[in-house]
Full PDB file with SEQRES, HELIX, SHEET, SSBOND, CRYST1, ORIGX, SCALE, CONECT and MASTER records, all heavy atoms in Angstrom:
SEQRES   1 A   43  GLY LEU PRO GLU GLY THR TYR CYS ASP VAL ILE SER GLY          
SEQRES   2 A   43  ASP LYS HIS CYS ALA GLY CYS SER GLY LYS GLN LEU HIS          
SEQRES   3 A   43  VAL ASP ARG GLU GLY LYS ALA HIS PHE TYR ILE SER GLY          
SEQRES   4 A   43  GLU ASP GLU ASP                                              
SHEET    1 AA1 2 GLY A   5  CYS A   8  0                                        
SHEET    2 AA1 2 GLN A  24  VAL A  27 -1                                        
SHEET    1 AA2 2 LYS A  15  HIS A  16  0                                        
SHEET    2 AA2 2 GLY A  19  CYS A  20 -1                                        
SSBOND   1 CYS A    8    CYS A   20                          1555   1555  1.96  
CRYST1    1.000    1.000    1.000  90.00  90.00  90.00 P 1           1          
ORIGX1      1.000000  0.000000  0.000000        0.00000                         
ORIGX2      0.000000  1.000000  0.000000        0.00000                         
ORIGX3      0.000000  0.000000  1.000000        0.00000                         
SCALE1      1.000000  0.000000  0.000000        0.00000                         
SCALE2      0.000000  1.000000  0.000000        0.00000                         
SCALE3      0.000000  0.000000  1.000000        0.00000                         
ATOM      1  N   GLY A   1     106.128 117.350  37.566  1.00  0.00           N  
ATOM      2  CA  GLY A   1     107.317 116.569  37.913  1.00  0.00           C  
ATOM      3  C   GLY A   1     107.406 116.230  39.391  1.00  0.00           C  
ATOM      4  O   GLY A   1     108.356 115.569  39.823  1.00  0.00           O  
ATOM      5  N   LEU A   2     106.431 116.664  40.199  1.00  0.00           N  
ATOM      6  CA  LEU A   2     106.460 116.445  41.648  1.00  0.00           C  
ATOM      7  C   LEU A   2     105.749 115.148  42.033  1.00  0.00           C  
ATOM      8  O   LEU A   2     104.879 114.671  41.299  1.00  0.00           O  
ATOM      9  CB  LEU A   2     105.815 117.624  42.379  1.00  0.00           C  
ATOM     10  CG  LEU A   2     106.737 118.797  42.747  1.00  0.00           C  
ATOM     11  CD1 LEU A   2     107.348 119.422  41.519  1.00  0.00           C  
ATOM     12  CD2 LEU A   2     105.980 119.835  43.569  1.00  0.00           C  
ATOM     13  N   PRO A   3     106.067 114.599  43.191  1.00  0.00           N  
ATOM     14  CA  PRO A   3     105.376 113.406  43.683  1.00  0.00           C  
ATOM     15  C   PRO A   3     103.898 113.684  43.959  1.00  0.00           C  
ATOM     16  O   PRO A   3     103.503 114.825  44.224  1.00  0.00           O  
ATOM     17  CB  PRO A   3     106.118 113.072  44.973  1.00  0.00           C  
ATOM     18  CG  PRO A   3     107.414 113.781  44.894  1.00  0.00           C  
ATOM     19  CD  PRO A   3     107.164 115.003  44.084  1.00  0.00           C  
ATOM     20  N   GLU A   4     103.097 112.637  43.923  1.00  0.00           N  
ATOM     21  CA  GLU A   4     101.667 112.756  44.198  1.00  0.00           C  
ATOM     22  C   GLU A   4     101.436 113.310  45.598  1.00  0.00           C  
ATOM     23  O   GLU A   4     102.157 112.985  46.546  1.00  0.00           O  
ATOM     24  CB  GLU A   4     101.000 111.392  44.070  1.00  0.00           C  
ATOM     25  CG  GLU A   4      99.501 111.411  44.320  1.00  0.00           C  
ATOM     26  CD  GLU A   4      98.871 110.035  44.213  1.00  0.00           C  
ATOM     27  OE1 GLU A   4      99.634 109.043  44.087  1.00  0.00           O  
ATOM     28  OE2 GLU A   4      97.625 109.947  44.259  1.00  0.00           O  
ATOM     29  N   GLY A   5     100.414 114.160  45.726  1.00  0.00           N  
ATOM     30  CA  GLY A   5     100.064 114.683  47.032  1.00  0.00           C  
ATOM     31  C   GLY A   5      99.390 116.034  46.925  1.00  0.00           C  
ATOM     32  O   GLY A   5      99.203 116.586  45.833  1.00  0.00           O  
ATOM     33  N   THR A   6      99.031 116.591  48.089  1.00  0.00           N  
ATOM     34  CA  THR A   6      98.421 117.915  48.174  1.00  0.00           C  
ATOM     35  C   THR A   6      99.459 118.908  48.676  1.00  0.00           C  
ATOM     36  O   THR A   6     100.131 118.657  49.677  1.00  0.00           O  
ATOM     37  CB  THR A   6      97.203 117.896  49.107  1.00  0.00           C  
ATOM     38  OG1 THR A   6      96.249 116.955  48.599  1.00  0.00           O  
ATOM     39  CG2 THR A   6      96.560 119.266  49.197  1.00  0.00           C  
ATOM     40  N   TYR A   7      99.560 120.026  47.979  1.00  0.00           N  
ATOM     41  CA  TYR A   7     100.599 121.014  48.255  1.00  0.00           C  
ATOM     42  C   TYR A   7      99.974 122.369  48.567  1.00  0.00           C  
ATOM     43  O   TYR A   7      98.928 122.738  48.025  1.00  0.00           O  
ATOM     44  CB  TYR A   7     101.519 121.187  47.040  1.00  0.00           C  
ATOM     45  CG  TYR A   7     102.355 119.979  46.706  1.00  0.00           C  
ATOM     46  CD1 TYR A   7     101.806 118.881  46.032  1.00  0.00           C  
ATOM     47  CD2 TYR A   7     103.707 119.932  47.034  1.00  0.00           C  
ATOM     48  CE1 TYR A   7     102.585 117.773  45.699  1.00  0.00           C  
ATOM     49  CE2 TYR A   7     104.485 118.835  46.712  1.00  0.00           C  
ATOM     50  CZ  TYR A   7     103.919 117.762  46.053  1.00  0.00           C  
ATOM     51  OH  TYR A   7     104.697 116.674  45.742  1.00  0.00           O  
ATOM     52  N   CYS A   8     100.645 123.125  49.412  1.00  0.00           N  
ATOM     53  CA  CYS A   8     100.266 124.517  49.673  1.00  0.00           C  
ATOM     54  C   CYS A   8     100.955 125.427  48.664  1.00  0.00           C  
ATOM     55  O   CYS A   8     102.169 125.308  48.438  1.00  0.00           O  
ATOM     56  CB  CYS A   8     100.672 124.943  51.076  1.00  0.00           C  
ATOM     57  SG  CYS A   8      99.871 124.044  52.407  1.00  0.00           S  
ATOM     58  N   ASP A   9     100.187 126.339  48.080  1.00  0.00           N  
ATOM     59  CA  ASP A   9     100.769 127.398  47.249  1.00  0.00           C  
ATOM     60  C   ASP A   9     101.449 128.397  48.180  1.00  0.00           C  
ATOM     61  O   ASP A   9     100.795 128.998  49.038  1.00  0.00           O  
ATOM     62  CB  ASP A   9      99.680 128.083  46.434  1.00  0.00           C  
ATOM     63  CG  ASP A   9     100.136 129.386  45.806  1.00  0.00           C  
ATOM     64  OD1 ASP A   9     101.319 129.464  45.422  1.00  0.00           O  
ATOM     65  OD2 ASP A   9      99.316 130.323  45.731  1.00  0.00           O  
ATOM     66  N   VAL A  10     102.753 128.574  48.025  1.00  0.00           N  
ATOM     67  CA  VAL A  10     103.499 129.428  48.952  1.00  0.00           C  
ATOM     68  C   VAL A  10     103.430 130.903  48.570  1.00  0.00           C  
ATOM     69  O   VAL A  10     103.994 131.753  49.271  1.00  0.00           O  
ATOM     70  CB  VAL A  10     104.970 128.976  49.076  1.00  0.00           C  
ATOM     71  CG1 VAL A  10     105.039 127.560  49.629  1.00  0.00           C  
ATOM     72  CG2 VAL A  10     105.703 129.078  47.738  1.00  0.00           C  
ATOM     73  N   ILE A  11     102.732 131.230  47.488  1.00  0.00           N  
ATOM     74  CA  ILE A  11     102.544 132.631  47.115  1.00  0.00           C  
ATOM     75  C   ILE A  11     101.328 133.206  47.815  1.00  0.00           C  
ATOM     76  O   ILE A  11     101.383 134.286  48.405  1.00  0.00           O  
ATOM     77  CB  ILE A  11     102.408 132.777  45.583  1.00  0.00           C  
ATOM     78  CG1 ILE A  11     103.631 132.184  44.876  1.00  0.00           C  
ATOM     79  CG2 ILE A  11     102.201 134.242  45.198  1.00  0.00           C  
ATOM     80  CD1 ILE A  11     104.957 132.734  45.339  1.00  0.00           C  
ATOM     81  N   SER A  12     100.228 132.470  47.812  1.00  0.00           N  
ATOM     82  CA  SER A  12      98.993 132.975  48.425  1.00  0.00           C  
ATOM     83  C   SER A  12      98.948 132.739  49.926  1.00  0.00           C  
ATOM     84  O   SER A  12      98.089 133.293  50.619  1.00  0.00           O  
ATOM     85  CB  SER A  12      97.770 132.332  47.764  1.00  0.00           C  
ATOM     86  OG  SER A  12      97.811 130.915  47.885  1.00  0.00           O  
ATOM     87  N   GLY A  13      99.840 131.902  50.456  1.00  0.00           N  
ATOM     88  CA  GLY A  13      99.815 131.628  51.887  1.00  0.00           C  
ATOM     89  C   GLY A  13     100.983 130.770  52.326  1.00  0.00           C  
ATOM     90  O   GLY A  13     101.990 130.656  51.621  1.00  0.00           O  
ATOM     91  N   ASP A  14     100.821 130.150  53.476  1.00  0.00           N  
ATOM     92  CA  ASP A  14     101.863 129.320  54.069  1.00  0.00           C  
ATOM     93  C   ASP A  14     101.307 127.947  54.415  1.00  0.00           C  
ATOM     94  O   ASP A  14     100.097 127.756  54.553  1.00  0.00           O  
ATOM     95  CB  ASP A  14     102.395 129.976  55.356  1.00  0.00           C  
ATOM     96  CG  ASP A  14     103.078 131.298  55.096  1.00  0.00           C  
ATOM     97  OD1 ASP A  14     104.140 131.301  54.456  1.00  0.00           O  
ATOM     98  OD2 ASP A  14     102.541 132.334  55.537  1.00  0.00           O  
ATOM     99  N   LYS A  15     102.212 127.000  54.591  1.00  0.00           N  
ATOM    100  CA  LYS A  15     101.844 125.689  55.104  1.00  0.00           C  
ATOM    101  C   LYS A  15     101.842 125.743  56.627  1.00  0.00           C  
ATOM    102  O   LYS A  15     102.779 126.232  57.245  1.00  0.00           O  
ATOM    103  CB  LYS A  15     102.838 124.638  54.620  1.00  0.00           C  
ATOM    104  CG  LYS A  15     102.626 123.243  55.212  1.00  0.00           C  
ATOM    105  CD  LYS A  15     103.759 122.318  54.829  1.00  0.00           C  
ATOM    106  CE  LYS A  15     103.661 121.002  55.581  1.00  0.00           C  
ATOM    107  NZ  LYS A  15     104.810 120.108  55.308  1.00  0.00           N  
ATOM    108  N   HIS A  16     100.760 125.221  57.228  1.00  0.00           N  
ATOM    109  CA  HIS A  16     100.665 125.115  58.668  1.00  0.00           C  
ATOM    110  C   HIS A  16     100.368 123.666  59.033  1.00  0.00           C  
ATOM    111  O   HIS A  16     100.036 122.846  58.174  1.00  0.00           O  
ATOM    112  CB  HIS A  16      99.564 126.031  59.215  1.00  0.00           C  
ATOM    113  CG  HIS A  16      99.804 127.488  58.938  1.00  0.00           C  
ATOM    114  ND1 HIS A  16     100.843 128.177  59.499  1.00  0.00           N  
ATOM    115  CD2 HIS A  16      99.150 128.377  58.149  1.00  0.00           C  
ATOM    116  CE1 HIS A  16     100.816 129.441  59.094  1.00  0.00           C  
ATOM    117  NE2 HIS A  16      99.800 129.583  58.257  1.00  0.00           N  
ATOM    118  N   CYS A  17     100.457 123.370  60.306  1.00  0.00           N  
ATOM    119  CA  CYS A  17     100.180 122.001  60.756  1.00  0.00           C  
ATOM    120  C   CYS A  17      98.787 121.554  60.336  1.00  0.00           C  
ATOM    121  O   CYS A  17      98.570 120.392  59.973  1.00  0.00           O  
ATOM    122  CB  CYS A  17     100.317 121.912  62.275  1.00  0.00           C  
ATOM    123  SG  CYS A  17     102.008 122.193  62.858  1.00  0.00           S  
ATOM    124  N   ALA A  18      97.838 122.489  60.369  1.00  0.00           N  
ATOM    125  CA  ALA A  18      96.447 122.142  60.059  1.00  0.00           C  
ATOM    126  C   ALA A  18      96.130 122.219  58.568  1.00  0.00           C  
ATOM    127  O   ALA A  18      95.031 121.865  58.144  1.00  0.00           O  
ATOM    128  CB  ALA A  18      95.511 123.056  60.831  1.00  0.00           C  
ATOM    129  N   GLY A  19      97.064 122.690  57.750  1.00  0.00           N  
ATOM    130  CA  GLY A  19      96.794 122.815  56.317  1.00  0.00           C  
ATOM    131  C   GLY A  19      97.468 124.024  55.719  1.00  0.00           C  
ATOM    132  O   GLY A  19      98.571 124.403  56.131  1.00  0.00           O  
ATOM    133  N   CYS A  20      96.786 124.648  54.766  1.00  0.00           N  
ATOM    134  CA  CYS A  20      97.333 125.795  54.036  1.00  0.00           C  
ATOM    135  C   CYS A  20      96.536 127.045  54.372  1.00  0.00           C  
ATOM    136  O   CYS A  20      95.305 127.002  54.429  1.00  0.00           O  
ATOM    137  CB  CYS A  20      97.264 125.567  52.529  1.00  0.00           C  
ATOM    138  SG  CYS A  20      97.964 123.999  51.951  1.00  0.00           S  
ATOM    139  N   SER A  21      97.220 128.151  54.535  1.00  0.00           N  
ATOM    140  CA  SER A  21      96.525 129.425  54.739  1.00  0.00           C  
ATOM    141  C   SER A  21      96.129 130.055  53.412  1.00  0.00           C  
ATOM    142  O   SER A  21      95.340 130.998  53.385  1.00  0.00           O  
ATOM    143  CB  SER A  21      97.389 130.394  55.541  1.00  0.00           C  
ATOM    144  OG  SER A  21      98.572 130.709  54.836  1.00  0.00           O  
ATOM    145  N   GLY A  22      96.668 129.531  52.299  1.00  0.00           N  
ATOM    146  CA  GLY A  22      96.314 130.003  50.962  1.00  0.00           C  
ATOM    147  C   GLY A  22      95.734 128.879  50.122  1.00  0.00           C  
ATOM    148  O   GLY A  22      95.045 127.983  50.630  1.00  0.00           O  
ATOM    149  N   LYS A  23      96.032 128.900  48.856  1.00  0.00           N  
ATOM    150  CA  LYS A  23      95.497 127.896  47.924  1.00  0.00           C  
ATOM    151  C   LYS A  23      96.139 126.529  48.159  1.00  0.00           C  
ATOM    152  O   LYS A  23      97.279 126.433  48.609  1.00  0.00           O  
ATOM    153  CB  LYS A  23      95.765 128.324  46.476  1.00  0.00           C  
ATOM    154  CG  LYS A  23      95.123 129.634  46.066  1.00  0.00           C  
ATOM    155  CD  LYS A  23      95.566 130.020  44.657  1.00  0.00           C  
ATOM    156  CE  LYS A  23      95.027 131.383  44.251  1.00  0.00           C  
ATOM    157  NZ  LYS A  23      95.533 131.781  42.902  1.00  0.00           N  
ATOM    158  N   GLN A  24      95.371 125.476  47.813  1.00  0.00           N  
ATOM    159  CA  GLN A  24      95.890 124.114  47.807  1.00  0.00           C  
ATOM    160  C   GLN A  24      95.893 123.579  46.383  1.00  0.00           C  
ATOM    161  O   GLN A  24      94.985 123.868  45.602  1.00  0.00           O  
ATOM    162  CB  GLN A  24      95.041 123.180  48.675  1.00  0.00           C  
ATOM    163  CG  GLN A  24      95.153 123.414  50.152  1.00  0.00           C  
ATOM    164  CD  GLN A  24      94.408 122.360  50.949  1.00  0.00           C  
ATOM    165  OE1 GLN A  24      93.987 121.337  50.400  1.00  0.00           O  
ATOM    166  NE2 GLN A  24      94.233 122.589  52.244  1.00  0.00           N  
ATOM    167  N   LEU A  25      96.910 122.812  46.024  1.00  0.00           N  
ATOM    168  CA  LEU A  25      97.010 122.170  44.704  1.00  0.00           C  
ATOM    169  C   LEU A  25      97.213 120.680  44.909  1.00  0.00           C  
ATOM    170  O   LEU A  25      98.024 120.268  45.747  1.00  0.00           O  
ATOM    171  CB  LEU A  25      98.195 122.732  43.910  1.00  0.00           C  
ATOM    172  CG  LEU A  25      98.090 124.115  43.251  1.00  0.00           C  
ATOM    173  CD1 LEU A  25      96.993 124.140  42.211  1.00  0.00           C  
ATOM    174  CD2 LEU A  25      97.966 125.240  44.257  1.00  0.00           C  
ATOM    175  N   HIS A  26      96.470 119.867  44.121  1.00  0.00           N  
ATOM    176  CA  HIS A  26      96.659 118.414  44.211  1.00  0.00           C  
ATOM    177  C   HIS A  26      97.428 117.922  42.991  1.00  0.00           C  
ATOM    178  O   HIS A  26      97.043 118.184  41.851  1.00  0.00           O  
ATOM    179  CB  HIS A  26      95.323 117.684  44.310  1.00  0.00           C  
ATOM    180  CG  HIS A  26      95.494 116.198  44.437  1.00  0.00           C  
ATOM    181  ND1 HIS A  26      95.951 115.600  45.593  1.00  0.00           N  
ATOM    182  CD2 HIS A  26      95.321 115.198  43.522  1.00  0.00           C  
ATOM    183  CE1 HIS A  26      96.044 114.297  45.392  1.00  0.00           C  
ATOM    184  NE2 HIS A  26      95.660 114.028  44.160  1.00  0.00           N  
ATOM    185  N   VAL A  27      98.519 117.219  43.235  1.00  0.00           N  
ATOM    186  CA  VAL A  27      99.311 116.590  42.172  1.00  0.00           C  
ATOM    187  C   VAL A  27      98.929 115.117  42.136  1.00  0.00           C  
ATOM    188  O   VAL A  27      98.962 114.423  43.163  1.00  0.00           O  
ATOM    189  CB  VAL A  27     100.821 116.757  42.448  1.00  0.00           C  
ATOM    190  CG1 VAL A  27     101.642 116.008  41.402  1.00  0.00           C  
ATOM    191  CG2 VAL A  27     101.203 118.240  42.460  1.00  0.00           C  
ATOM    192  N   ASP A  28      98.552 114.623  40.935  1.00  0.00           N  
ATOM    193  CA  ASP A  28      98.114 113.234  40.832  1.00  0.00           C  
ATOM    194  C   ASP A  28      99.308 112.295  40.694  1.00  0.00           C  
ATOM    195  O   ASP A  28     100.470 112.725  40.694  1.00  0.00           O  
ATOM    196  CB  ASP A  28      97.108 113.054  39.689  1.00  0.00           C  
ATOM    197  CG  ASP A  28      97.701 113.304  38.305  1.00  0.00           C  
ATOM    198  OD1 ASP A  28      98.943 113.211  38.137  1.00  0.00           O  
ATOM    199  OD2 ASP A  28      96.935 113.578  37.370  1.00  0.00           O  
ATOM    200  N   ARG A  29      99.021 111.011  40.567  1.00  0.00           N  
ATOM    201  CA  ARG A  29     100.088 110.016  40.545  1.00  0.00           C  
ATOM    202  C   ARG A  29     100.983 110.132  39.318  1.00  0.00           C  
ATOM    203  O   ARG A  29     102.100 109.612  39.304  1.00  0.00           O  
ATOM    204  CB  ARG A  29      99.494 108.606  40.621  1.00  0.00           C  
ATOM    205  CG  ARG A  29      98.656 108.182  39.430  1.00  0.00           C  
ATOM    206  CD  ARG A  29      98.093 106.784  39.636  1.00  0.00           C  
ATOM    207  NE  ARG A  29      97.217 106.729  40.807  1.00  0.00           N  
ATOM    208  CZ  ARG A  29      96.694 105.594  41.269  1.00  0.00           C  
ATOM    209  NH1 ARG A  29      96.958 104.445  40.678  1.00  0.00           N  
ATOM    210  NH2 ARG A  29      95.901 105.626  42.326  1.00  0.00           N  
ATOM    211  N   GLU A  30     100.509 110.826  38.291  1.00  0.00           N  
ATOM    212  CA  GLU A  30     101.323 111.058  37.093  1.00  0.00           C  
ATOM    213  C   GLU A  30     102.116 112.361  37.188  1.00  0.00           C  
ATOM    214  O   GLU A  30     102.806 112.740  36.243  1.00  0.00           O  
ATOM    215  CB  GLU A  30     100.432 111.083  35.851  1.00  0.00           C  
ATOM    216  CG  GLU A  30      99.772 109.739  35.561  1.00  0.00           C  
ATOM    217  CD  GLU A  30      98.890 109.794  34.325  1.00  0.00           C  
ATOM    218  OE1 GLU A  30      98.585 110.933  33.869  1.00  0.00           O  
ATOM    219  OE2 GLU A  30      98.531 108.724  33.808  1.00  0.00           O  
ATOM    220  N   GLY A  31     101.995 113.062  38.296  1.00  0.00           N  
ATOM    221  CA  GLY A  31     102.721 114.318  38.486  1.00  0.00           C  
ATOM    222  C   GLY A  31     102.022 115.523  37.890  1.00  0.00           C  
ATOM    223  O   GLY A  31     102.627 116.597  37.803  1.00  0.00           O  
ATOM    224  N   LYS A  32     100.751 115.368  37.518  1.00  0.00           N  
ATOM    225  CA  LYS A  32     100.016 116.478  36.903  1.00  0.00           C  
ATOM    226  C   LYS A  32      99.143 117.182  37.932  1.00  0.00           C  
ATOM    227  O   LYS A  32      98.656 116.570  38.890  1.00  0.00           O  
ATOM    228  CB  LYS A  32      99.158 115.972  35.741  1.00  0.00           C  
ATOM    229  CG  LYS A  32      99.959 115.384  34.586  1.00  0.00           C  
ATOM    230  CD  LYS A  32      99.059 114.977  33.445  1.00  0.00           C  
ATOM    231  CE  LYS A  32      99.839 114.287  32.327  1.00  0.00           C  
ATOM    232  NZ  LYS A  32     100.849 115.190  31.726  1.00  0.00           N  
ATOM    233  N   ALA A  33      98.929 118.475  37.711  1.00  0.00           N  
ATOM    234  CA  ALA A  33      98.063 119.272  38.586  1.00  0.00           C  
ATOM    235  C   ALA A  33      97.338 120.312  37.747  1.00  0.00           C  
ATOM    236  O   ALA A  33      97.842 120.748  36.699  1.00  0.00           O  
ATOM    237  CB  ALA A  33      98.871 119.953  39.685  1.00  0.00           C  
ATOM    238  N   HIS A  34      96.156 120.689  38.218  1.00  0.00           N  
ATOM    239  CA  HIS A  34      95.376 121.712  37.513  1.00  0.00           C  
ATOM    240  C   HIS A  34      95.600 123.069  38.161  1.00  0.00           C  
ATOM    241  O   HIS A  34      95.521 123.209  39.385  1.00  0.00           O  
ATOM    242  CB  HIS A  34      93.881 121.372  37.525  1.00  0.00           C  
ATOM    243  CG  HIS A  34      93.063 122.341  36.746  1.00  0.00           C  
ATOM    244  ND1 HIS A  34      92.315 123.332  37.334  1.00  0.00           N  
ATOM    245  CD2 HIS A  34      92.905 122.507  35.395  1.00  0.00           C  
ATOM    246  CE1 HIS A  34      91.724 124.047  36.395  1.00  0.00           C  
ATOM    247  NE2 HIS A  34      92.062 123.572  35.206  1.00  0.00           N  
ATOM    248  N   PHE A  35      95.868 124.073  37.322  1.00  0.00           N  
ATOM    249  CA  PHE A  35      96.146 125.425  37.793  1.00  0.00           C  
ATOM    250  C   PHE A  35      95.135 126.398  37.191  1.00  0.00           C  
ATOM    251  O   PHE A  35      94.887 126.375  35.975  1.00  0.00           O  
ATOM    252  CB  PHE A  35      97.556 125.856  37.405  1.00  0.00           C  
ATOM    253  CG  PHE A  35      98.628 125.026  38.055  1.00  0.00           C  
ATOM    254  CD1 PHE A  35      99.089 123.863  37.453  1.00  0.00           C  
ATOM    255  CD2 PHE A  35      99.164 125.396  39.279  1.00  0.00           C  
ATOM    256  CE1 PHE A  35     100.069 123.087  38.053  1.00  0.00           C  
ATOM    257  CE2 PHE A  35     100.134 124.627  39.891  1.00  0.00           C  
ATOM    258  CZ  PHE A  35     100.594 123.466  39.273  1.00  0.00           C  
ATOM    259  N   TYR A  36      94.595 127.248  38.046  1.00  0.00           N  
ATOM    260  CA  TYR A  36      93.684 128.298  37.602  1.00  0.00           C  
ATOM    261  C   TYR A  36      94.167 129.609  38.201  1.00  0.00           C  
ATOM    262  O   TYR A  36      94.216 129.776  39.429  1.00  0.00           O  
ATOM    263  CB  TYR A  36      92.253 128.009  38.070  1.00  0.00           C  
ATOM    264  CG  TYR A  36      91.239 129.050  37.608  1.00  0.00           C  
ATOM    265  CD1 TYR A  36      90.550 128.887  36.411  1.00  0.00           C  
ATOM    266  CD2 TYR A  36      91.006 130.201  38.364  1.00  0.00           C  
ATOM    267  CE1 TYR A  36      89.632 129.838  35.973  1.00  0.00           C  
ATOM    268  CE2 TYR A  36      90.108 131.160  37.939  1.00  0.00           C  
ATOM    269  CZ  TYR A  36      89.426 130.973  36.745  1.00  0.00           C  
ATOM    270  OH  TYR A  36      88.528 131.921  36.307  1.00  0.00           O  
ATOM    271  N   ILE A  37      94.563 130.541  37.336  1.00  0.00           N  
ATOM    272  CA  ILE A  37      95.053 131.848  37.794  1.00  0.00           C  
ATOM    273  C   ILE A  37      94.384 132.926  36.952  1.00  0.00           C  
ATOM    274  O   ILE A  37      94.585 132.993  35.731  1.00  0.00           O  
ATOM    275  CB  ILE A  37      96.589 131.974  37.651  1.00  0.00           C  
ATOM    276  CG1 ILE A  37      97.316 130.818  38.326  1.00  0.00           C  
ATOM    277  CG2 ILE A  37      97.056 133.305  38.231  1.00  0.00           C  
ATOM    278  CD1 ILE A  37      98.822 130.822  38.085  1.00  0.00           C  
ATOM    279  N   SER A  38      93.599 133.761  37.581  1.00  0.00           N  
ATOM    280  CA  SER A  38      92.976 134.875  36.881  1.00  0.00           C  
ATOM    281  C   SER A  38      94.006 135.947  36.571  1.00  0.00           C  
ATOM    282  O   SER A  38      94.927 136.194  37.363  1.00  0.00           O  
ATOM    283  CB  SER A  38      91.853 135.473  37.735  1.00  0.00           C  
ATOM    284  OG  SER A  38      91.410 136.706  37.197  1.00  0.00           O  
ATOM    285  N   GLY A  39      93.845 136.582  35.439  1.00  0.00           N  
ATOM    286  CA  GLY A  39      94.726 137.696  35.098  1.00  0.00           C  
ATOM    287  C   GLY A  39      94.520 138.897  35.985  1.00  0.00           C  
ATOM    288  O   GLY A  39      95.319 139.834  35.962  1.00  0.00           O  
ATOM    289  N   GLU A  40      93.451 138.869  36.795  1.00  0.00           N  
ATOM    290  CA  GLU A  40      93.163 139.980  37.693  1.00  0.00           C  
ATOM    291  C   GLU A  40      93.589 139.684  39.128  1.00  0.00           C  
ATOM    292  O   GLU A  40      93.395 140.522  40.013  1.00  0.00           O  
ATOM    293  CB  GLU A  40      91.664 140.301  37.650  1.00  0.00           C  
ATOM    294  CG  GLU A  40      91.193 140.773  36.272  1.00  0.00           C  
ATOM    295  CD  GLU A  40      89.700 141.062  36.252  1.00  0.00           C  
ATOM    296  OE1 GLU A  40      89.036 140.791  37.274  1.00  0.00           O  
ATOM    297  OE2 GLU A  40      89.216 141.544  35.214  1.00  0.00           O  
ATOM    298  N   ASP A  41      94.151 138.503  39.387  1.00  0.00           N  
ATOM    299  CA  ASP A  41      94.592 138.173  40.738  1.00  0.00           C  
ATOM    300  C   ASP A  41      95.642 139.163  41.223  1.00  0.00           C  
ATOM    301  O   ASP A  41      96.469 139.653  40.427  1.00  0.00           O  
ATOM    302  CB  ASP A  41      95.185 136.766  40.791  1.00  0.00           C  
ATOM    303  CG  ASP A  41      94.123 135.678  40.731  1.00  0.00           C  
ATOM    304  OD1 ASP A  41      92.922 136.021  40.812  1.00  0.00           O  
ATOM    305  OD2 ASP A  41      94.495 134.498  40.594  1.00  0.00           O  
ATOM    306  N   GLU A  42      95.631 139.422  42.512  1.00  0.00           N  
ATOM    307  CA  GLU A  42      96.641 140.320  43.087  1.00  0.00           C  
ATOM    308  C   GLU A  42      98.044 139.793  42.818  1.00  0.00           C  
ATOM    309  O   GLU A  42      98.956 140.555  42.497  1.00  0.00           O  
ATOM    310  CB  GLU A  42      96.413 140.460  44.592  1.00  0.00           C  
ATOM    311  CG  GLU A  42      97.427 141.358  45.275  1.00  0.00           C  
ATOM    312  CD  GLU A  42      97.242 141.426  46.776  1.00  0.00           C  
ATOM    313  OE1 GLU A  42      96.242 140.875  47.267  1.00  0.00           O  
ATOM    314  OE2 GLU A  42      98.096 142.030  47.456  1.00  0.00           O  
ATOM    315  N   ASP A  43      98.228 138.493  42.972  1.00  0.00           N  
ATOM    316  CA  ASP A  43      99.501 137.832  42.676  1.00  0.00           C  
ATOM    317  C   ASP A  43      99.227 136.711  41.687  1.00  0.00           C  
ATOM    318  O   ASP A  43      98.915 135.583  42.089  1.00  0.00           O  
ATOM    319  CB  ASP A  43     100.130 137.260  43.952  1.00  0.00           C  
ATOM    320  CG  ASP A  43     100.482 138.340  44.955  1.00  0.00           C  
ATOM    321  OD1 ASP A  43     101.040 139.368  44.529  1.00  0.00           O  
ATOM    322  OD2 ASP A  43     100.197 138.153  46.150  1.00  0.00           O  
TER     323      ASP A  43                                                      
CONECT   57  138                                                                
CONECT  138   57                                                                
MASTER        0    0    0    0    4    0    0    6  322    1    2    4          
END                                                                             
């Protein structure tokens, strides 16, 4: 449901001027994004 663009995951890191300290997610023009989360991830 979000606008197209690249987003910082705020769980694994923070947004900085130069980018993300954690994971990045890309939302396409249809508002869709691909998510991969292992069941063994710390978070």
